[in-house]
Protein backbone atom coordinates (compact mmCIF):
# COMPACT_ATOMS: atom_id res chain seq x y z
CA UNK A 1 -13.43 -15.24 -31.03
CA UNK A 2 -12.16 -11.86 -29.78
CA UNK A 3 -9.99 -11.83 -26.67
CA UNK A 4 -8.97 -9.22 -24.14
CA UNK A 5 -7.35 -9.19 -20.73
CA UNK A 6 -8.79 -7.48 -17.68
CA UNK A 7 -7.83 -7.83 -14.01
CA UNK A 8 -10.23 -9.70 -11.77
CA UNK A 9 -11.02 -10.57 -8.20
CA UNK A 10 -10.60 -14.17 -7.13
CA UNK A 11 -13.36 -16.13 -5.45
CA UNK A 12 -12.41 -19.78 -5.14
CA UNK A 13 -13.33 -22.63 -2.83
CA UNK A 14 -10.00 -24.43 -2.96
CA UNK A 15 -6.59 -23.18 -3.98
CA UNK A 16 -2.97 -23.20 -2.85
CA UNK A 17 -2.02 -20.02 -1.02
CA UNK A 18 1.61 -19.16 -0.29
CA UNK A 19 2.22 -16.31 2.12
CA UNK A 20 5.65 -14.70 2.29
CA UNK A 21 6.17 -13.52 5.86
CA UNK A 22 9.19 -11.22 6.06
CA UNK A 23 10.63 -9.03 8.81
CA UNK A 24 11.37 -5.36 8.00
CA UNK A 25 14.98 -5.91 9.11
CA UNK A 26 16.95 -9.15 9.61
CA UNK A 27 16.30 -10.97 12.86
CA UNK A 28 15.81 -14.54 14.05
CA UNK A 29 13.64 -17.16 12.33
CA UNK A 30 12.00 -19.41 14.92
CA UNK A 31 10.66 -22.21 12.71
CA UNK A 32 12.17 -24.54 10.16
CA UNK A 33 11.12 -25.88 6.80
CA UNK A 34 8.39 -28.49 7.12
CA UNK A 35 7.03 -27.20 10.43
CA UNK A 36 3.26 -26.99 10.83
CA UNK A 37 2.14 -23.55 12.03
CA UNK A 38 -1.13 -21.91 12.93
CA UNK A 39 -2.06 -18.29 12.39
CA UNK A 40 -0.81 -17.22 15.83
CA UNK A 41 2.57 -18.97 15.60
CA UNK A 42 5.51 -16.56 15.92
CA UNK A 43 7.66 -17.51 12.92
CA UNK A 44 10.34 -14.81 13.31
CA UNK A 45 11.31 -11.95 15.57
CA UNK A 46 13.57 -8.92 15.61
CA UNK A 47 14.20 -5.70 17.51
CA UNK A 48 13.26 -2.50 15.73
CA UNK A 49 15.62 0.42 16.42
CA UNK A 50 14.15 2.95 18.85
CA UNK A 51 13.37 6.55 17.97
CA UNK A 52 16.21 9.09 17.96
CA UNK A 53 16.21 12.13 20.24
CA UNK A 54 18.60 15.10 20.05
CA UNK A 55 19.49 17.09 23.20
CA UNK A 56 21.35 20.42 23.17
CA UNK A 57 23.71 20.10 26.13
CA UNK A 58 25.69 23.32 25.59
CA UNK A 59 22.57 25.50 25.71
CA UNK A 60 21.32 23.78 28.85
CA UNK A 61 24.62 24.15 30.72
CA UNK A 62 25.95 27.37 29.17
CA UNK A 63 29.20 25.83 27.93
CA UNK A 64 31.01 25.70 24.59
CA UNK A 65 30.80 22.61 22.32
CA UNK A 66 34.47 21.68 22.71
CA UNK A 67 33.95 21.21 26.47
CA UNK A 68 30.90 18.95 26.23
CA UNK A 69 32.66 15.69 27.17
CA UNK A 70 33.98 17.22 30.41
CA UNK A 71 30.42 17.74 31.60
CA UNK A 72 28.90 14.45 30.45
CA UNK A 73 28.01 11.84 33.09
CA UNK A 74 27.37 9.24 30.40
CA UNK A 75 29.50 8.15 27.48
CA UNK A 76 28.67 6.90 24.01
CA UNK A 77 26.99 3.51 24.19
CA UNK A 78 26.02 3.87 27.85
CA UNK A 79 22.46 2.84 28.81
CA UNK A 80 20.32 5.43 30.60
CA UNK A 81 16.96 5.48 32.35
CA UNK A 82 14.35 8.19 31.95
CA UNK A 83 15.04 11.19 34.26
CA UNK A 84 18.55 9.92 35.03
CA UNK A 85 21.17 12.75 35.00
CA UNK A 86 23.31 12.57 31.86
CA UNK A 87 25.25 15.85 32.16
CA UNK A 88 25.88 18.55 34.76
CA UNK A 89 27.93 21.69 35.24
CA UNK A 90 30.58 22.20 37.93
CA UNK A 91 29.80 25.38 39.88
CA UNK A 92 31.78 26.56 42.93
CA UNK A 93 28.59 26.46 44.98
CA UNK A 94 26.61 23.22 44.71
CA UNK A 95 23.20 24.92 44.86
CA UNK A 96 24.00 26.55 41.50
CA UNK A 97 24.43 23.12 39.92
CA UNK A 98 22.46 22.46 36.73
CA UNK A 99 21.70 18.94 35.59
CA UNK A 100 20.40 17.65 32.27
CA UNK A 101 18.17 14.61 32.71
CA UNK A 102 17.43 12.00 30.09
CA UNK A 103 13.95 12.38 28.53
CA UNK A 104 13.90 8.69 27.56
CA UNK A 105 15.05 5.21 28.52
CA UNK A 106 17.64 4.13 25.98
CA UNK A 107 21.30 4.68 25.10
CA UNK A 108 23.64 7.56 24.29
CA UNK A 109 24.58 7.13 20.62
CA UNK A 110 26.72 10.16 19.84
CA UNK A 111 28.34 13.12 21.58
CA UNK A 112 29.27 15.97 19.22
CA UNK A 113 32.05 18.43 20.06
CA UNK A 114 31.05 20.41 16.97
CA UNK A 115 27.37 21.08 17.66
CA UNK A 116 27.38 20.57 21.41
CA UNK A 117 24.49 18.15 21.08
CA UNK A 118 24.08 14.50 21.94
CA UNK A 119 22.01 11.92 20.11
CA UNK A 120 20.06 9.40 22.16
CA UNK A 121 18.08 6.41 20.97
CA UNK A 122 15.10 4.89 22.71
CA UNK A 123 15.17 1.21 23.66
CA UNK A 124 14.61 -1.24 20.79
CA UNK A 125 11.03 -2.30 20.17
CA UNK A 126 10.53 -6.08 19.95
CA UNK A 127 8.65 -7.22 16.83
CA UNK A 128 7.08 -10.66 16.53
CA UNK A 129 6.05 -11.86 13.08
CA UNK A 130 3.04 -14.20 13.04
CA UNK A 131 2.31 -16.89 10.46
CA UNK A 132 -1.10 -15.21 9.73
CA UNK A 133 -2.57 -18.43 8.26
CA UNK A 134 -2.66 -22.05 9.38
CA UNK A 135 -0.36 -24.09 7.17
CA UNK A 136 3.15 -25.43 6.69
CA UNK A 137 6.52 -23.71 6.31
CA UNK A 138 7.84 -24.53 2.83
CA UNK A 139 10.81 -22.14 2.77
CA UNK A 140 13.03 -20.26 5.22
CA UNK A 141 14.33 -16.94 3.89
CA UNK A 142 17.65 -16.52 5.70
CA UNK A 143 17.25 -14.36 8.81
CA UNK A 144 14.33 -12.50 7.25
CA UNK A 145 11.29 -14.76 7.37
CA UNK A 146 9.48 -17.73 5.85
CA UNK A 147 6.96 -18.80 3.23
CA UNK A 148 3.84 -20.48 4.63
CA UNK A 149 1.72 -22.68 2.37
CA UNK A 150 -1.90 -23.60 2.95
CA UNK A 151 -4.85 -24.99 0.99
CA UNK A 152 -7.76 -22.65 1.52
CA UNK A 153 -10.88 -20.98 0.25
CA UNK A 154 -9.86 -17.56 -0.99
CA UNK A 155 -11.83 -14.36 -1.62
CA UNK A 156 -10.46 -10.99 -2.71
CA UNK A 157 -12.30 -7.77 -1.92
CA UNK A 158 -12.35 -4.40 -3.66
CA UNK A 159 -11.44 -2.19 -0.70
CA UNK A 160 -10.49 -2.62 2.92
CA UNK A 161 -9.09 -0.91 5.99
CA UNK A 162 -7.40 -2.39 9.03
CA UNK A 163 -4.63 -4.93 9.37
CA UNK A 164 -4.40 -8.68 9.65
CA UNK A 165 -6.70 -10.48 12.05
CA UNK A 166 -7.96 -14.00 12.63
CA UNK A 167 -11.20 -15.45 13.98
CA UNK A 168 -14.11 -17.82 13.30
CA UNK A 169 -16.38 -16.81 10.41
CA UNK A 170 -19.95 -15.87 11.39
CA UNK A 171 -22.91 -15.03 9.14
CA UNK A 172 -24.96 -12.10 10.47
CA UNK A 173 -27.48 -12.13 7.60
CA UNK A 174 -29.15 -14.87 5.57
CA UNK A 175 -29.25 -13.14 2.18
CA UNK A 176 -26.69 -11.09 0.21
CA UNK A 177 -29.29 -8.32 -0.25
CA UNK A 178 -29.71 -7.75 3.50
CA UNK A 179 -28.23 -4.77 5.33
CA UNK A 180 -25.93 -5.25 8.32
CA UNK A 181 -27.62 -3.16 11.01
CA UNK A 182 -26.43 -2.70 14.63
CA UNK A 183 -29.04 -5.10 16.03
CA UNK A 184 -27.62 -7.95 13.94
CA UNK A 185 -24.27 -7.74 15.75
CA UNK A 186 -24.55 -9.44 19.14
CA UNK A 187 -22.44 -10.85 21.95
CA UNK A 188 -22.33 -14.11 19.97
CA UNK A 189 -20.06 -12.35 17.45
CA UNK A 190 -17.31 -11.45 19.94
CA UNK A 191 -13.91 -12.35 18.52
CA UNK A 192 -15.38 -13.34 15.14
CA UNK A 193 -15.26 -12.25 11.49
CA UNK A 194 -18.82 -11.10 10.73
CA UNK A 195 -20.29 -11.38 7.23
CA UNK A 196 -23.04 -8.97 6.17
CA UNK A 197 -24.94 -8.55 2.92
CA UNK A 198 -25.31 -5.52 0.67
CA UNK A 199 -24.44 -2.72 3.08
CA UNK A 200 -23.22 -1.91 6.58
CA UNK A 201 -24.70 1.06 8.42
CA UNK A 202 -22.20 3.41 10.06
CA UNK A 203 -24.05 2.92 13.37
CA UNK A 204 -23.02 -0.74 13.20
CA UNK A 205 -19.36 0.22 13.57
CA UNK A 206 -19.85 1.28 17.17
CA UNK A 207 -21.80 -1.88 17.94
CA UNK A 208 -19.08 -4.01 16.33
CA UNK A 209 -16.45 -2.35 18.51
CA UNK A 210 -18.59 -2.78 21.62
CA UNK A 211 -19.12 -6.48 20.88
CA UNK A 212 -15.42 -7.10 20.21
CA UNK A 213 -15.85 -8.08 16.55
CA UNK A 214 -12.52 -8.72 14.81
CA UNK A 215 -13.64 -8.10 11.25
CA UNK A 216 -16.58 -7.21 9.01
CA UNK A 217 -17.00 -8.47 5.44
CA UNK A 218 -19.82 -6.83 3.48
CA UNK A 219 -20.82 -5.88 -0.05
CA UNK A 220 -20.56 -2.11 0.36
CA UNK A 221 -20.87 0.92 2.60
CA UNK A 222 -21.17 4.68 2.23
CA UNK A 223 -17.84 6.33 1.46
CA UNK A 224 -18.68 9.13 3.93
CA UNK A 225 -18.82 6.49 6.68
CA UNK A 226 -15.09 5.93 6.24
CA UNK A 227 -14.31 9.13 8.14
CA UNK A 228 -16.70 8.05 10.90
CA UNK A 229 -14.80 4.79 11.20
CA UNK A 230 -11.25 6.18 11.00
CA UNK A 231 -11.76 9.59 12.56
CA UNK A 232 -9.99 11.28 9.64
CA UNK A 233 -10.07 11.52 5.84
CA UNK A 234 -8.18 8.72 4.13
CA UNK A 235 -5.74 9.90 1.47
CA UNK A 236 -4.75 8.03 -1.69
CA UNK A 237 -2.32 5.50 -0.31
CA UNK A 238 -2.00 1.92 0.78
CA UNK A 239 -4.36 0.95 3.59
CA UNK A 240 -3.96 -1.74 6.21
CA UNK A 241 -2.08 0.10 8.95
CA UNK A 242 -5.08 1.95 10.40
CA UNK A 243 -5.41 1.71 14.18
CA UNK A 244 -9.06 0.68 14.38
CA UNK A 245 -10.94 -1.85 16.46
CA UNK A 246 -11.69 -4.24 13.59
CA UNK A 247 -10.82 -4.87 9.94
CA UNK A 248 -13.38 -3.94 7.27
CA UNK A 249 -13.52 -5.51 3.79
CA UNK A 250 -15.87 -4.51 0.97
CA UNK A 251 -16.37 -7.22 -1.64
CA UNK A 252 -18.29 -5.11 -4.18
CA UNK A 253 -17.65 -1.37 -3.73
CA UNK A 254 -19.03 1.84 -2.26
CA UNK A 255 -22.77 2.18 -1.87
CA UNK A 256 -25.49 -0.39 -1.28
CA UNK A 257 -24.45 -3.31 -3.49
CA UNK A 258 -25.58 -6.88 -2.89
CA UNK A 259 -22.67 -9.21 -2.25
CA UNK A 260 -22.11 -11.50 -5.22
CA UNK A 261 -24.11 -14.68 -4.70
CA UNK A 262 -21.07 -16.86 -5.35
CA UNK A 263 -19.05 -14.98 -2.71
CA UNK A 264 -21.88 -15.03 -0.18
CA UNK A 265 -22.59 -18.74 -0.64
CA UNK A 266 -18.91 -19.61 -0.33
CA UNK A 267 -18.56 -17.68 2.92
CA UNK A 268 -21.80 -19.14 4.27
CA UNK A 269 -20.52 -22.66 3.58
CA UNK A 270 -17.44 -21.89 5.70
CA UNK A 271 -19.30 -20.50 8.72
CA UNK A 272 -17.57 -21.34 11.98
CA UNK A 273 -14.22 -22.03 10.35
CA UNK A 274 -11.02 -20.23 11.33
CA UNK A 275 -10.51 -17.32 8.95
CA UNK A 276 -7.62 -14.94 8.31
CA UNK A 277 -8.35 -11.53 6.78
CA UNK A 278 -6.38 -8.44 5.82
CA UNK A 279 -7.76 -5.05 4.81
CA UNK A 280 -4.56 -3.91 3.07
CA UNK A 281 -5.47 -2.23 -0.24
CA UNK A 282 -3.43 -0.47 -2.90
CA UNK A 283 -5.13 0.58 -6.11
CA UNK A 284 -2.17 2.01 -8.01
CA UNK A 285 1.00 0.31 -9.25
CA UNK A 286 1.62 -2.95 -7.43
CA UNK A 287 -2.06 -3.62 -6.75
CA UNK A 288 -2.84 -5.13 -3.34
CA UNK A 289 -6.32 -6.49 -2.66
CA UNK A 290 -7.97 -7.06 0.72
CA UNK A 291 -8.33 -10.78 1.26
CA UNK A 292 -10.19 -13.52 3.10
CA UNK A 293 -8.30 -16.81 3.59
CA UNK A 294 -10.10 -19.83 5.07
CA UNK A 295 -7.64 -22.73 5.44
CA UNK A 296 -8.92 -26.30 5.19
CA UNK A 297 -6.78 -28.47 7.51
CA UNK A 298 -8.17 -31.64 5.92
CA UNK A 299 -6.50 -30.84 2.59
CA UNK A 300 -2.87 -30.84 1.49
CA UNK A 301 -1.22 -29.14 -1.48
CA UNK A 302 -1.17 -32.40 -3.41
CA UNK A 303 -4.97 -32.56 -3.08
CA UNK A 304 -5.20 -29.58 -5.42
CA UNK A 305 -4.61 -30.74 -8.99
CA UNK A 306 -2.76 -27.60 -10.04
CA UNK A 307 -1.95 -24.31 -8.45
CA UNK A 308 -4.47 -21.89 -9.90
CA UNK A 309 -3.07 -19.00 -11.89
CA UNK A 310 -3.53 -15.56 -10.37
CA UNK A 311 -3.95 -14.05 -13.80
CA UNK A 312 -5.45 -15.30 -17.00
CA UNK A 313 -4.61 -14.63 -20.60
CA UNK A 314 -7.97 -13.39 -21.85
CA UNK A 315 -11.62 -12.82 -21.13
CA UNK A 316 -14.04 -15.01 -23.03
CA UNK A 317 -17.76 -15.32 -23.65
CA UNK A 318 -19.49 -16.83 -20.64
CA UNK A 319 -17.01 -15.39 -18.12
CA UNK A 320 -18.61 -13.94 -14.97
CA UNK A 321 -17.80 -10.23 -14.60
CA UNK A 322 -18.56 -7.28 -12.36
CA UNK A 323 -19.15 -3.80 -13.81
CA UNK A 324 -16.95 -1.26 -12.01
CA UNK A 325 -18.23 2.00 -13.54
CA UNK A 326 -21.56 3.79 -13.62
CA UNK A 327 -24.34 3.47 -14.70
CA UNK A 328 -24.14 -0.28 -13.98
CA UNK A 329 -21.61 -0.09 -11.13
CA UNK A 330 -21.56 -3.21 -8.96
CA UNK A 331 -23.85 -5.31 -11.16
CA UNK A 332 -22.75 -8.85 -11.95
CA UNK A 333 -23.39 -10.73 -15.15
CA UNK A 334 -21.81 -12.83 -17.89
CA UNK A 335 -20.05 -11.80 -21.08
CA UNK A 336 -22.45 -12.58 -23.92
CA UNK A 337 -20.41 -11.13 -26.80
CA UNK A 338 -16.99 -9.62 -27.50
CA UNK A 339 -17.23 -7.48 -30.66
CA UNK A 340 -13.82 -7.05 -32.26
CA UNK A 341 -14.47 -3.64 -33.83
CA UNK A 342 -14.21 -0.33 -31.96
CA UNK A 343 -17.52 1.28 -31.03
CA UNK A 344 -18.48 4.79 -29.99
CA UNK A 345 -19.22 5.11 -26.26
CA UNK A 346 -21.08 7.72 -24.18
CA UNK A 347 -18.05 10.01 -23.91
CA UNK A 348 -17.90 10.26 -27.71
CA UNK A 349 -14.64 8.36 -28.05
CA UNK A 350 -14.28 4.96 -29.68
CA UNK A 351 -13.24 1.94 -27.61
CA UNK A 352 -13.40 -1.82 -27.44
CA UNK A 353 -16.62 -2.98 -25.80
CA UNK A 354 -18.35 -6.14 -24.67
CA UNK A 355 -21.94 -7.18 -24.12
CA UNK A 356 -23.04 -8.18 -20.63
CA UNK A 357 -26.07 -10.33 -19.86
CA UNK A 358 -27.44 -9.70 -16.37
CA UNK A 359 -29.41 -12.34 -14.43
CA UNK A 360 -32.67 -10.40 -14.93
CA UNK A 361 -32.36 -10.85 -18.70
CA UNK A 362 -31.13 -7.34 -19.49
CA UNK A 363 -28.21 -7.10 -21.93
CA UNK A 364 -26.06 -3.97 -22.14
CA UNK A 365 -22.92 -2.86 -23.95
CA UNK A 366 -20.07 -1.41 -21.87
CA UNK A 367 -16.39 -0.56 -22.46
CA UNK A 368 -14.11 -3.47 -21.66
CA UNK A 369 -12.15 -1.23 -19.27
CA UNK A 370 -15.31 -0.87 -17.16
CA UNK A 371 -15.46 -4.49 -16.04
CA UNK A 372 -13.39 -6.97 -14.08
CA UNK A 373 -13.50 -10.73 -14.26
CA UNK A 374 -14.66 -12.64 -11.20
CA UNK A 375 -12.05 -15.39 -11.18
CA UNK A 376 -12.77 -18.78 -9.69
């Protein structure tokens, strides 16, 4: 039998998830190995350095750089409040006095007798690192963070925007073909992760924000709606840091594409359960997928026979796949054959192909690079 490898999205009811939660700079870890944590537990904290501001003292006071320290009211390392005088001249008549006031609350970091400028830094910004998922701490990483382990249902999406958020899972539709329209989002969805079907209308974004929805999971949406949601065009980069009211995850792609039945049924079976989601996506080197994690507090790691592998060696006949290129984009089927010889494709080039059998009985031949395995 011919074999080939292709990346896939995971959709699994029970697996071991280990989340590495690390601070951007060393700080203080607040939990220890073996501790039980929930998604909102602060596992570590640190203070991020404040922004730097440069102030030209010599220009403001009309002095030369070498004299700057004589006119400073604050020294290096001194704390200052916003609008507090930090330097002043020494005129013969006091009404000719000129003062330089601090534009920020922070500290004086450096006074330069070469440039006549001072460098100030705003007050540190406290950062609290949350566990993100309910689980147990299995490792403490020095002063940097921890690894949290949980047994959970796990679904990867194709694209997402928005950061990490947590809330109960709520089904807004009863079929994966249905469209998530504004009227389907109600007050009952406040603070919840809402699951739609094949498509979300852009008008539903405003309703979701109004109702205080924390996240939307849906098969697809129009790529032009992304600007409506963000307020700007999204460049080619990692997502997940957007400042928006809720996190959005697409499980299938852009356009109206029914959510895979397996994905929809799994999410429906978990309705009401506490769910952690992240819209972070990176499609280039170091691929990052948006994710849906639904911990099961009744299970422990030892209840899972083996930790499932995130990658597999090869695709095989019978594997469920999703086509990720036109003209069959978004359709789901099974591999029915894996011819070993190269075949000519629509572009005129020769490539390895596979045959896909769709649920409606149609069988087509597509390049192997145009599909991804739906891993379970």
